[in-house]
Amino acid sequence: MSADLRASIFEVVASVPDPEIPVLSLVDLGIVREVHQDDTGIEVTLTPTYSGCPATEAIARDVREALDRAGHPQARVAIRLSPAWSSDWITEEGRRKLKAYGIAPPACSATPREQVVSLRRKVSVACPRCDSTETEQLSHFASTPCKALYRCLACREPFDYFKPF
C-alpha cells in the first residue's frame, strides 16, 4: 500500500467521531489498530475500548459508510480484540479534547506496573473544569462503563473520569 493511500484511508477514518464521545475521532481514541492492503483489498482494523462495548457495531458501520463515501466500497472493516485496547492509546490530542469536553482523561498509565502503583496510592484525578485535584469518586461507573463519576470539591461540579484500562 502506498504511503499516500494509507494516509488517505487514515484521514477518512479520522473523520469518524466516536458515537459516545463525539468530540473524539476514532484515531484520537486510539481504536484504529491498522490500515493495510493485501491481495483481497484494503482492510481497516479496529479494537474497541472493551470487548463488550455497545458502540462497536455502530463504529464499524460508521467507518464502513465513511469508506464508501470516500470511494473505497471494497475496503473491509475488521474488529480485533487481542491485544486488548489500552487507554494509553488515546492520543495527546484526544486527551486534550476529553478535558475540553468536560471528561477527565486517564490520570495514570494503564500498564501493569502503573496499575499496581495506583492501587497502592490514590490516583489524583484533576477536575477538567478548574484543574483542582481535590476530587472524590462518587461511583465507579458513570455514563458508560469505561468512565467513573467524580465530583470536584473545589468547584463542586460532577464530571466523568475516563478510567485507565
Protein backbone atom coordinates (compact mmCIF):
# COMPACT_ATOMS: atom_id res chain seq x y z
CA MET A 1 0.00 0.00 0.00
CA SER A 2 1.39 3.37 -0.92
CA ALA A 3 2.02 5.90 1.83
CA ASP A 4 -0.44 8.29 0.13
CA LEU A 5 -3.24 5.70 0.05
CA ARG A 6 -2.60 4.72 3.67
CA ALA A 7 -2.63 8.40 4.73
CA SER A 8 -5.84 8.92 2.75
CA ILE A 9 -7.57 5.98 4.48
CA PHE A 10 -6.38 7.19 7.90
CA GLU A 11 -7.76 10.64 7.09
CA VAL A 12 -11.14 9.11 6.24
CA VAL A 13 -11.19 7.09 9.47
CA ALA A 14 -10.01 10.12 11.49
CA SER A 15 -13.11 11.96 10.29
CA VAL A 16 -15.37 9.43 12.05
CA PRO A 17 -16.36 10.58 15.55
CA ASP A 18 -16.74 8.23 18.48
CA PRO A 19 -20.53 7.78 18.92
CA GLU A 20 -20.33 8.09 22.72
CA ILE A 21 -17.81 10.96 22.89
CA PRO A 22 -18.37 12.83 19.60
CA VAL A 23 -15.52 15.33 20.14
CA LEU A 24 -13.07 12.43 19.71
CA SER A 25 -12.26 10.79 16.42
CA LEU A 26 -11.61 7.07 16.33
CA VAL A 27 -7.93 7.91 15.79
CA ASP A 28 -7.91 10.23 18.84
CA LEU A 29 -9.38 7.40 20.90
CA GLY A 30 -6.70 5.02 19.67
CA ILE A 31 -9.01 2.29 18.45
CA VAL A 32 -7.72 2.29 14.85
CA ARG A 33 -5.18 -0.51 15.01
CA GLU A 34 -4.14 -0.97 11.45
CA VAL A 35 -4.74 0.02 7.86
CA HIS A 36 -3.27 -2.40 5.35
CA GLN A 37 -3.75 -3.80 1.90
CA ASP A 38 -3.35 -7.41 0.81
CA ASP A 39 -4.35 -9.42 -2.27
CA THR A 40 -8.03 -9.08 -1.37
CA GLY A 41 -8.03 -5.31 -0.84
CA ILE A 42 -7.88 -2.70 1.89
CA GLU A 43 -8.68 -3.55 5.50
CA VAL A 44 -9.13 -1.22 8.46
CA THR A 45 -8.71 -2.98 11.80
CA LEU A 46 -10.35 -1.56 14.92
CA THR A 47 -10.05 -2.57 18.57
CA PRO A 48 -13.00 -1.44 20.72
CA THR A 49 -12.33 0.11 24.10
CA TYR A 50 -13.54 -3.12 25.68
CA SER A 51 -14.87 -6.37 24.27
CA GLY A 52 -18.46 -5.71 25.33
CA CYS A 53 -18.58 -2.12 24.11
CA PRO A 54 -22.12 -1.49 22.85
CA ALA A 55 -20.83 1.04 20.31
CA THR A 56 -18.63 -1.47 18.44
CA GLU A 57 -21.23 -2.23 15.75
CA ALA A 58 -22.08 1.45 15.29
CA ILE A 59 -18.39 2.35 14.99
CA ALA A 60 -17.77 -0.37 12.37
CA ARG A 61 -20.85 0.79 10.45
CA ASP A 62 -19.74 4.44 10.58
CA VAL A 63 -16.25 3.53 9.32
CA ARG A 64 -17.76 1.40 6.55
CA GLU A 65 -20.02 4.31 5.47
CA ALA A 66 -17.12 6.80 5.56
CA LEU A 67 -15.00 4.49 3.41
CA ASP A 68 -17.88 4.09 0.94
CA ARG A 69 -18.34 7.88 0.68
CA ALA A 70 -14.59 8.31 0.14
CA GLY A 71 -14.61 5.91 -2.82
CA HIS A 72 -13.41 2.72 -1.11
CA PRO A 73 -16.50 0.48 -1.28
CA GLN A 74 -14.44 -2.71 -1.34
CA ALA A 75 -12.50 -1.89 1.84
CA ARG A 76 -13.17 -4.18 4.80
CA VAL A 77 -13.57 -3.29 8.47
CA ALA A 78 -12.29 -5.88 10.93
CA ILE A 79 -12.57 -5.99 14.71
CA ARG A 80 -9.59 -7.30 16.68
CA LEU A 81 -9.94 -7.92 20.42
CA SER A 82 -6.40 -9.07 21.15
CA PRO A 83 -4.32 -7.46 22.36
CA ALA A 84 -6.96 -5.55 24.27
CA TRP A 85 -7.28 -1.80 23.80
CA SER A 86 -5.50 0.36 26.34
CA SER A 87 -6.32 3.89 27.43
CA ASP A 88 -2.60 4.52 26.86
CA TRP A 89 -3.51 4.53 23.15
CA ILE A 90 -5.55 7.73 23.49
CA THR A 91 -3.55 10.40 21.66
CA GLU A 92 -2.38 13.59 23.36
CA GLU A 93 -4.86 15.44 21.15
CA GLY A 94 -7.57 13.05 22.34
CA ARG A 95 -6.66 13.72 25.98
CA ARG A 96 -6.85 17.45 25.35
CA LYS A 97 -10.25 17.08 23.66
CA LEU A 98 -11.58 14.92 26.53
CA LYS A 99 -10.64 17.57 29.07
CA ALA A 100 -12.13 20.39 26.97
CA TYR A 101 -15.35 18.35 26.70
CA GLY A 102 -15.52 18.01 30.49
CA ILE A 103 -14.22 14.44 30.86
CA ALA A 104 -11.04 13.95 32.85
CA PRO A 105 -8.56 11.89 30.82
CA PRO A 106 -6.85 8.89 32.46
CA ALA A 107 -4.64 10.12 35.30
CA CYS A 108 -2.13 7.28 35.07
CA SER A 109 -0.79 4.75 32.64
CA ALA A 110 -2.69 1.54 32.11
CA THR A 111 0.50 -0.54 32.07
CA PRO A 112 0.52 -3.31 34.71
CA ARG A 113 3.29 -1.66 36.74
CA GLU A 114 1.40 1.65 36.89
CA GLN A 115 -1.83 -0.14 37.81
CA VAL A 116 -0.11 -1.77 40.79
CA VAL A 117 1.32 1.58 41.86
CA SER A 118 -2.10 3.23 41.53
CA LEU A 119 -3.66 0.52 43.73
CA ARG A 120 -1.17 1.37 46.48
CA ARG A 121 -1.82 5.09 46.40
CA LYS A 122 -4.80 7.16 45.47
CA VAL A 123 -4.53 8.41 41.89
CA SER A 124 -5.05 12.14 41.72
CA VAL A 125 -7.83 12.93 39.25
CA ALA A 126 -7.88 16.58 38.21
CA CYS A 127 -11.18 18.34 37.57
CA PRO A 128 -11.47 19.08 33.83
CA ARG A 129 -13.16 22.40 34.62
CA CYS A 130 -10.94 24.04 37.28
CA ASP A 131 -7.90 21.67 37.39
CA SER A 132 -8.24 21.09 41.13
CA THR A 133 -7.05 17.68 42.31
CA GLU A 134 -9.35 17.91 45.32
CA THR A 135 -11.85 15.44 43.87
CA GLU A 136 -13.77 12.42 45.06
CA GLN A 137 -15.15 9.38 43.32
CA LEU A 138 -18.93 9.12 43.59
CA SER A 139 -19.36 5.94 41.58
CA HIS A 140 -17.00 3.51 39.87
CA PHE A 141 -19.32 3.68 36.84
CA ALA A 142 -20.62 6.77 35.07
CA SER A 143 -22.40 7.37 31.75
CA THR A 144 -20.52 4.43 30.20
CA PRO A 145 -18.64 1.51 31.82
CA CYS A 146 -15.28 2.96 30.75
CA LYS A 147 -15.83 6.07 32.88
CA ALA A 148 -16.21 6.73 36.63
CA LEU A 149 -18.25 9.53 38.18
CA TYR A 150 -16.31 12.09 40.20
CA ARG A 151 -17.07 15.40 41.91
CA CYS A 152 -14.72 18.32 42.33
CA LEU A 153 -14.57 19.52 45.92
CA ALA A 154 -13.33 22.95 44.81
CA CYS A 155 -15.90 23.95 42.17
CA ARG A 156 -18.45 21.30 43.29
CA GLU A 157 -19.11 20.16 39.72
CA PRO A 158 -19.58 16.48 38.88
CA PHE A 159 -17.59 15.05 35.98
CA ASP A 160 -16.78 11.80 34.23
CA TYR A 161 -13.30 10.33 34.52
CA PHE A 162 -12.06 8.09 31.70
CA LYS A 163 -10.62 5.13 33.62
CA PRO A 164 -7.23 3.71 32.67
CA PHE A 165 -7.59 0.27 31.07
